[in-house]
N, C-alpha and C. Protein backbone atom coordinates (compact mmCIF):
# COMPACT_ATOMS: atom_id res chain seq x y z
N MET A 1 67.34 88.40 141.24
CA MET A 1 68.38 88.40 140.45
C MET A 1 69.80 89.06 140.27
N VAL A 2 70.50 88.30 139.88
CA VAL A 2 72.03 88.98 139.84
C VAL A 2 72.31 89.68 138.51
N ASP A 3 72.97 90.84 139.41
CA ASP A 3 73.53 92.24 138.23
C ASP A 3 74.80 91.81 137.71
N ASN A 4 75.48 90.39 136.89
CA ASN A 4 77.15 90.69 136.92
C ASN A 4 77.46 91.71 135.72
N ASN A 5 77.10 92.73 135.40
CA ASN A 5 77.62 93.79 134.27
C ASN A 5 78.85 94.60 135.07
N THR A 6 79.67 94.29 134.60
CA THR A 6 81.06 95.22 135.35
C THR A 6 80.62 96.71 134.94
N GLN A 7 80.91 97.57 135.79
CA GLN A 7 81.01 99.04 135.46
C GLN A 7 82.35 99.48 135.12
N PHE A 8 82.38 100.36 134.19
CA PHE A 8 84.24 101.07 133.72
C PHE A 8 83.81 102.56 134.55
N PHE A 9 84.43 103.37 134.87
CA PHE A 9 84.87 104.60 135.32
C PHE A 9 85.65 105.47 134.22
N LYS A 10 86.02 106.65 134.40
CA LYS A 10 86.60 106.72 133.05
C LYS A 10 87.49 107.75 133.97
N THR A 11 88.59 108.39 134.35
CA THR A 11 89.05 108.91 135.21
C THR A 11 90.01 110.03 134.60
N GLN A 12 90.10 111.22 134.85
CA GLN A 12 90.63 112.34 134.18
C GLN A 12 92.38 112.03 134.74
N PRO A 13 93.11 112.18 133.28
CA PRO A 13 94.27 111.63 133.40
C PRO A 13 94.76 113.11 134.49
N GLU A 14 96.19 113.06 135.51
CA GLU A 14 96.36 114.18 135.88
C GLU A 14 97.37 114.88 134.74
N LYS A 15 97.44 116.24 135.72
CA LYS A 15 97.97 117.51 134.51
C LYS A 15 99.72 117.25 134.89
N THR A 16 99.78 116.79 133.83
CA THR A 16 101.57 117.20 133.82
C THR A 16 101.90 118.96 133.82
N ILE A 17 102.87 118.86 134.93
CA ILE A 17 103.47 120.43 134.97
C ILE A 17 104.77 120.19 135.12
N SER A 18 105.76 121.54 133.97
CA SER A 18 106.98 121.72 134.35
C SER A 18 107.54 121.71 135.29
N VAL A 19 108.57 121.55 135.54
CA VAL A 19 109.31 122.19 137.21
C VAL A 19 109.72 123.29 136.91
N GLU A 20 109.60 124.42 135.74
CA GLU A 20 109.97 125.89 136.10
C GLU A 20 107.86 125.71 136.62
N GLY A 21 107.40 125.38 136.32
CA GLY A 21 105.81 125.81 136.31
C GLY A 21 105.54 125.39 137.96
N ILE A 22 106.29 124.31 137.96
CA ILE A 22 106.59 123.84 140.00
C ILE A 22 107.17 124.94 140.78
N LEU A 23 108.05 125.37 140.35
CA LEU A 23 108.90 126.58 140.64
C LEU A 23 108.48 127.36 141.03
N GLU A 24 106.94 127.95 139.72
CA GLU A 24 106.67 129.31 140.05
C GLU A 24 105.36 129.26 140.82
N GLN A 25 104.87 128.08 140.97
CA GLN A 25 104.11 127.79 141.71
C GLN A 25 104.16 128.39 142.86
N VAL A 26 105.30 127.36 143.39
CA VAL A 26 105.69 126.94 145.11
C VAL A 26 106.38 128.47 145.88
N TYR A 27 107.41 129.25 144.74
CA TYR A 27 107.17 130.78 144.96
C TYR A 27 106.40 132.08 144.96
N LEU A 28 104.91 131.72 144.70
CA LEU A 28 103.74 132.45 144.65
C LEU A 28 103.64 131.93 145.80
N ALA A 29 103.40 131.09 146.36
CA ALA A 29 102.78 130.58 146.97
C ALA A 29 103.28 131.08 148.82
N LEU A 30 104.81 131.18 148.34
CA LEU A 30 105.73 130.97 149.58
C LEU A 30 105.70 132.52 149.76
N LYS A 31 105.79 133.31 148.65
CA LYS A 31 105.57 134.63 148.99
C LYS A 31 103.85 135.42 149.57
N GLU A 32 102.75 134.47 149.38
CA GLU A 32 101.61 135.08 149.24
C GLU A 32 102.06 134.61 150.98
N LYS A 33 102.42 133.80 151.50
CA LYS A 33 101.97 133.67 153.08
C LYS A 33 103.18 134.26 154.13
N GLY A 34 103.93 135.26 153.25
CA GLY A 34 104.79 136.07 153.69
C GLY A 34 106.54 135.71 154.64
N TYR A 35 106.76 134.16 153.85
CA TYR A 35 108.06 134.05 153.49
C TYR A 35 109.09 134.53 152.46
N ASN A 36 110.58 134.29 152.76
CA ASN A 36 111.40 134.19 151.90
C ASN A 36 111.55 133.17 150.56
N PRO A 37 110.78 133.18 149.29
CA PRO A 37 110.67 131.99 148.72
C PRO A 37 112.04 131.46 148.49
N VAL A 38 112.81 132.04 148.20
CA VAL A 38 114.42 131.77 147.76
C VAL A 38 114.90 131.33 149.09
N ASN A 39 114.68 131.36 150.28
CA ASN A 39 115.27 131.00 151.40
C ASN A 39 114.62 129.58 151.88
N GLN A 40 113.66 129.81 151.65
CA GLN A 40 112.37 128.44 151.81
C GLN A 40 113.10 127.01 150.61
N ILE A 41 112.94 127.73 149.46
CA ILE A 41 113.46 126.72 148.36
C ILE A 41 114.71 125.83 148.41
N VAL A 42 116.00 127.21 148.85
CA VAL A 42 116.96 126.17 148.91
C VAL A 42 116.62 125.06 150.06
N GLY A 43 116.70 125.80 151.39
CA GLY A 43 116.07 124.92 152.26
C GLY A 43 115.73 123.69 151.61
N TYR A 44 115.00 123.47 151.17
CA TYR A 44 113.97 122.31 151.06
C TYR A 44 115.14 121.74 149.80
N ILE A 45 115.72 122.37 148.93
CA ILE A 45 116.77 120.97 147.73
C ILE A 45 117.76 121.08 148.64
N MET A 46 118.22 121.33 149.64
CA MET A 46 119.18 121.10 150.57
C MET A 46 118.79 119.71 151.43
N SER A 47 117.74 119.96 152.12
CA SER A 47 117.59 119.31 153.14
C SER A 47 116.78 118.48 152.50
N GLY A 48 115.68 118.39 151.68
CA GLY A 48 114.95 117.18 151.36
C GLY A 48 113.73 117.48 152.06
N ASP A 49 113.78 118.48 152.78
CA ASP A 49 112.15 118.39 153.86
C ASP A 49 111.66 119.15 153.58
N PRO A 50 110.27 118.27 153.21
CA PRO A 50 109.34 119.40 152.56
C PRO A 50 108.43 120.21 153.75
N THR A 51 108.88 119.99 155.10
CA THR A 51 108.55 121.45 155.95
C THR A 51 109.15 122.56 155.95
N TYR A 52 110.07 122.63 154.72
CA TYR A 52 110.18 124.19 154.09
C TYR A 52 109.08 124.77 153.05
N ILE A 53 108.64 124.03 152.53
CA ILE A 53 107.68 124.53 151.98
C ILE A 53 106.26 124.27 152.64
N THR A 54 105.27 125.74 152.35
CA THR A 54 103.73 125.90 152.80
C THR A 54 103.22 124.86 151.74
N SER A 55 102.23 124.69 153.13
CA SER A 55 100.99 124.00 152.21
C SER A 55 100.22 124.53 151.83
N HIS A 56 100.09 125.69 151.52
CA HIS A 56 99.30 127.08 151.06
C HIS A 56 99.59 126.76 149.44
N ASN A 57 98.38 126.84 149.10
CA ASN A 57 97.67 126.21 147.67
C ASN A 57 98.69 125.00 147.11
N ASN A 58 98.39 124.07 147.99
CA ASN A 58 99.24 122.61 147.28
C ASN A 58 100.56 122.79 146.67
N ALA A 59 101.51 123.69 147.69
CA ALA A 59 103.01 124.19 147.33
C ALA A 59 104.00 122.67 147.47
N ARG A 60 103.53 122.40 148.27
CA ARG A 60 104.19 121.28 149.63
C ARG A 60 103.87 120.04 148.48
N SER A 61 103.05 119.70 147.76
CA SER A 61 102.66 118.63 147.28
C SER A 61 103.21 118.28 145.58
N LEU A 62 102.83 119.92 145.19
CA LEU A 62 103.34 120.38 143.80
C LEU A 62 105.00 119.86 143.88
N ILE A 63 105.66 120.55 144.56
CA ILE A 63 106.98 120.89 144.59
C ILE A 63 108.12 118.90 145.02
N MET A 64 106.69 117.98 145.21
CA MET A 64 107.46 116.88 145.67
C MET A 64 107.27 116.36 144.43
N LYS A 65 106.39 116.52 143.57
CA LYS A 65 106.08 115.54 142.66
C LYS A 65 107.42 115.72 141.45
N ALA A 66 108.44 116.69 141.83
CA ALA A 66 109.81 116.60 141.26
C ALA A 66 110.79 116.70 141.65
N GLU A 67 111.92 116.03 141.53
CA GLU A 67 112.99 114.95 141.63
C GLU A 67 114.00 116.62 142.52
N ARG A 68 114.22 116.82 143.64
CA ARG A 68 115.75 118.01 143.98
C ARG A 68 116.20 117.80 142.68
N ASP A 69 116.85 117.21 141.74
CA ASP A 69 117.71 117.66 141.00
C ASP A 69 117.60 118.20 140.04
N GLU A 70 116.17 118.05 139.91
CA GLU A 70 115.44 118.30 138.94
C GLU A 70 115.11 119.86 138.96
N LEU A 71 114.60 120.20 139.75
CA LEU A 71 114.58 121.64 140.16
C LEU A 71 115.94 122.60 140.09
N VAL A 72 117.31 121.86 140.78
CA VAL A 72 118.71 121.93 140.78
C VAL A 72 118.89 122.58 139.16
N GLU A 73 118.69 121.45 138.26
CA GLU A 73 118.55 121.77 137.03
C GLU A 73 118.09 123.08 136.56
N GLU A 74 116.61 123.42 136.71
CA GLU A 74 116.01 124.06 135.81
C GLU A 74 116.75 125.76 136.45
N VAL A 75 117.16 125.53 137.60
CA VAL A 75 117.40 127.13 137.84
C VAL A 75 118.62 127.54 137.98
N VAL A 76 119.63 126.19 137.05
CA VAL A 76 121.12 126.57 136.95
C VAL A 76 120.75 126.61 134.96
N ARG A 77 120.08 126.05 134.89
CA ARG A 77 119.30 126.15 133.17
C ARG A 77 119.26 127.84 133.04
N TYR A 78 118.03 128.02 133.92
CA TYR A 78 117.28 129.61 133.99
C TYR A 78 118.68 130.52 134.40
N PHE A 79 119.58 130.11 134.78
CA PHE A 79 120.08 131.03 134.86
C PHE A 79 121.63 131.71 133.27
N ILE A 80 122.02 129.95 133.47
CA ILE A 80 122.85 130.42 132.39
C ILE A 80 122.24 130.67 130.65
N GLU A 81 120.77 130.49 130.80
CA GLU A 81 120.19 130.48 129.57
C GLU A 81 120.22 132.57 129.87
N GLY A 82 119.85 132.83 131.10
CA GLY A 82 119.72 134.46 131.58
C GLY A 82 121.15 135.35 130.84
N LYS A 83 122.03 134.38 131.10
CA LYS A 83 123.49 135.35 131.01
C LYS A 83 124.11 135.09 129.39
N GLY A 84 123.02 134.57 128.54
CA GLY A 84 123.49 134.54 127.44
C GLY A 84 124.73 133.41 127.04
N LEU A 85 125.13 132.67 128.00
CA LEU A 85 125.76 131.76 128.05
C LEU A 85 125.87 130.52 126.83
């Protein structure tokens, strides 16, 4: 006898993370591995080369979820708001 029942699978939606959260997690992963996080993140933003970011704690995959211009936007926003402008 042939079983023609369709099987349904529920998948968990991927958790969304803010650009701020991405930068924070990537920063911590780079620092943990002994890199200079600022230099590495700037290198990635300027070149688009993901090898500037360690794969430790999934940081490389994480940073690639945000567009580079979004990363720059977040950094500029953080700076300006910190200055109270």
